[in-house]
Amino acid sequence: MGNCQAAEAVAAAAVVQRPNGKSERLYGTVKAGELMTSHPGFHVALIISSGVSNGGSLRVTRIKLLRPCDHLLLGHVYRLVSSQEVMKGLWAKKCARMKLYGEFAVEEKNALRSDQSDSANDNLKRRHEKQRGAWQPSLQSISESAS
């Protein structure tokens, strides 16, 4: 019976892998934000595995970043990932998307540039209006008719 209870206790824990290679077991419910505050500069990621390969080691297929409000579930394995690694991964994903869509990526860049230039023009107009003095309506006034 003791072995059965030990196996259940392992499954009833969330395992967090630290960057230094050590693992920590959590036996209660914890929010990802709590781990992030105790480990500044790191994000919590859920490890999603596809199974055991022939060598007996666990194959990691992908990771999913958790939001600070997400709870760590018992029986799952999590990893602390540095902010730099997260940014590298997001940048690689963006580059892969741009390569995949090729010509559409060029159009997206042009649209982004035009949006940026439009916002820059709006900022210049606002600055110019502030320099002129008090606010003035952009509509022309209409004379009232005496009817």
Protein backbone atom coordinates (compact mmCIF):
# COMPACT_ATOMS: atom_id res chain seq x y z
CA MET A 1 0.00 0.00 0.00
CA GLY A 2 2.85 2.38 0.76
CA ASN A 3 4.07 2.25 -2.84
CA CYS A 4 0.62 3.03 -4.17
CA GLN A 5 0.36 6.11 -1.98
CA ALA A 6 3.82 7.27 -3.06
CA ALA A 7 2.84 7.01 -6.71
CA GLU A 8 -0.29 9.06 -6.04
CA ALA A 9 1.73 11.68 -4.18
CA VAL A 10 4.04 12.15 -7.18
CA ALA A 11 1.06 12.61 -9.51
CA ALA A 12 -0.49 15.05 -7.02
CA ALA A 13 2.38 17.52 -7.42
CA ALA A 14 3.28 20.12 -10.00
CA VAL A 15 6.95 19.95 -10.98
CA VAL A 16 8.77 23.21 -11.78
CA GLN A 17 12.15 22.96 -13.51
CA ARG A 18 14.46 25.81 -12.60
CA PRO A 19 17.09 27.26 -14.95
CA ASN A 20 19.92 25.83 -12.82
CA GLY A 21 18.64 22.30 -13.53
CA LYS A 22 17.00 21.66 -10.17
CA SER A 23 13.35 20.68 -9.89
CA GLU A 24 10.84 21.84 -7.33
CA ARG A 25 7.63 20.03 -6.43
CA LEU A 26 4.54 22.05 -5.54
CA TYR A 27 1.77 20.21 -3.73
CA GLY A 28 -0.85 22.95 -3.63
CA THR A 29 -2.41 25.33 -6.09
CA VAL A 30 -0.10 28.14 -7.13
CA LYS A 31 -0.60 30.92 -9.65
CA ALA A 32 2.04 31.42 -12.31
CA GLY A 33 2.31 35.06 -11.22
CA GLU A 34 3.50 33.98 -7.78
CA LEU A 35 6.37 32.02 -9.33
CA MET A 36 7.19 34.95 -11.62
CA THR A 37 7.43 37.34 -8.67
CA SER A 38 9.66 34.95 -6.74
CA HIS A 39 11.86 34.49 -9.85
CA PRO A 40 12.12 37.93 -11.51
CA GLY A 41 13.06 37.92 -15.18
CA PHE A 42 11.48 34.52 -15.78
CA HIS A 43 8.20 33.29 -17.24
CA VAL A 44 6.40 30.04 -16.46
CA ALA A 45 5.88 27.64 -19.35
CA LEU A 46 3.89 24.40 -19.47
CA ILE A 47 5.85 21.58 -21.07
CA ILE A 48 3.72 19.59 -23.50
CA SER A 49 5.37 16.26 -24.32
CA SER A 50 4.58 13.75 -27.00
CA GLY A 51 5.73 10.64 -25.17
CA VAL A 52 8.83 8.57 -24.44
CA SER A 53 11.32 7.92 -27.23
CA ASN A 54 13.30 4.68 -27.69
CA GLY A 55 16.12 5.86 -25.41
CA GLY A 56 13.69 6.28 -22.53
CA SER A 57 13.97 10.05 -22.40
CA LEU A 58 11.04 12.41 -22.54
CA ARG A 59 10.54 14.19 -25.89
CA VAL A 60 9.43 17.79 -25.58
CA THR A 61 7.34 18.87 -28.51
CA ARG A 62 6.44 22.38 -27.43
CA ILE A 63 5.96 24.73 -24.53
CA LYS A 64 3.09 27.05 -23.73
CA LEU A 65 3.69 30.29 -21.85
CA LEU A 66 1.30 30.87 -18.99
CA ARG A 67 -0.29 34.16 -18.02
CA PRO A 68 0.27 35.38 -14.46
CA CYS A 69 -3.36 34.61 -13.58
CA ASP A 70 -3.12 30.95 -14.73
CA HIS A 71 -2.94 28.23 -12.07
CA LEU A 72 -0.33 25.49 -12.11
CA LEU A 73 -2.15 22.16 -12.28
CA LEU A 74 -1.08 19.15 -10.29
CA GLY A 75 0.49 16.36 -12.33
CA HIS A 76 1.99 18.69 -14.95
CA VAL A 77 5.58 19.74 -15.56
CA TYR A 78 6.49 23.43 -15.86
CA ARG A 79 9.71 25.23 -16.67
CA LEU A 80 11.00 28.68 -15.79
CA VAL A 81 12.05 30.37 -19.04
CA SER A 82 14.10 33.59 -19.10
CA SER A 83 12.66 36.71 -20.69
CA GLN A 84 15.48 36.72 -23.25
CA GLU A 85 14.57 33.20 -24.38
CA VAL A 86 10.92 34.21 -24.67
CA MET A 87 11.82 37.21 -26.84
CA LYS A 88 14.10 35.04 -29.03
CA GLY A 89 11.28 32.54 -29.51
CA LEU A 90 8.74 35.22 -30.38
CA TRP A 91 11.16 36.82 -32.82
CA ALA A 92 11.90 33.45 -34.47
CA LYS A 93 8.17 32.75 -34.75
CA LYS A 94 7.61 36.14 -36.37
CA CYS A 95 10.48 35.62 -38.82
CA ALA A 96 9.18 32.16 -39.73
CA ARG A 97 5.72 33.60 -40.33
CA MET A 98 7.18 36.32 -42.55
CA LYS A 99 9.15 33.76 -44.57
CA LEU A 100 6.08 31.53 -44.89
CA TYR A 101 3.88 34.28 -46.24
CA GLY A 102 6.64 36.00 -48.24
CA GLU A 103 4.82 38.60 -50.29
CA PHE A 104 2.15 39.14 -47.64
CA ALA A 105 4.87 39.96 -45.13
CA VAL A 106 6.10 42.75 -47.40
CA GLU A 107 2.57 44.14 -47.58
CA GLU A 108 2.28 43.93 -43.78
CA LYS A 109 5.55 45.86 -43.43
CA ASN A 110 4.30 48.54 -45.81
CA ALA A 111 0.98 48.77 -43.95
CA LEU A 112 2.82 49.07 -40.66
CA ARG A 113 5.04 51.81 -42.07
CA SER A 114 2.04 53.71 -43.41
CA ASP A 115 0.29 53.37 -40.02
CA GLN A 116 3.40 54.69 -38.33
CA SER A 117 3.67 57.61 -40.74
CA ASP A 118 -0.04 58.41 -40.24
CA SER A 119 0.41 58.44 -36.47
CA ALA A 120 3.52 60.61 -36.86
CA ASN A 121 1.53 63.06 -38.99
CA ASP A 122 -1.23 63.15 -36.37
CA ASN A 123 1.34 63.88 -33.68
CA LEU A 124 2.79 66.73 -35.76
CA LYS A 125 -0.69 68.19 -36.26
CA ARG A 126 -1.38 68.04 -32.51
CA ARG A 127 1.92 69.75 -31.72
CA HIS A 128 1.19 72.46 -34.28
CA GLU A 129 -2.26 73.07 -32.79
CA LYS A 130 -0.78 73.32 -29.31
CA GLN A 131 1.74 75.87 -30.54
CA ARG A 132 -1.02 77.99 -32.14
CA GLY A 133 -2.63 78.51 -28.80
CA ALA A 134 -6.17 77.77 -27.72
CA TRP A 135 -8.19 75.05 -29.35
CA GLN A 136 -10.22 76.08 -32.36
CA PRO A 137 -12.95 74.03 -33.96
CA SER A 138 -12.11 72.57 -37.34
CA LEU A 139 -15.65 73.18 -38.66
CA GLN A 140 -16.62 76.51 -40.12
CA SER A 141 -19.41 78.32 -38.34
CA ILE A 142 -22.82 78.51 -40.05
CA SER A 143 -24.83 81.67 -39.87
CA GLU A 144 -28.32 81.27 -38.47
CA SER A 145 -31.21 82.32 -40.63
CA ALA A 146 -34.03 84.38 -39.17
CA SER A 147 -37.04 82.33 -40.15
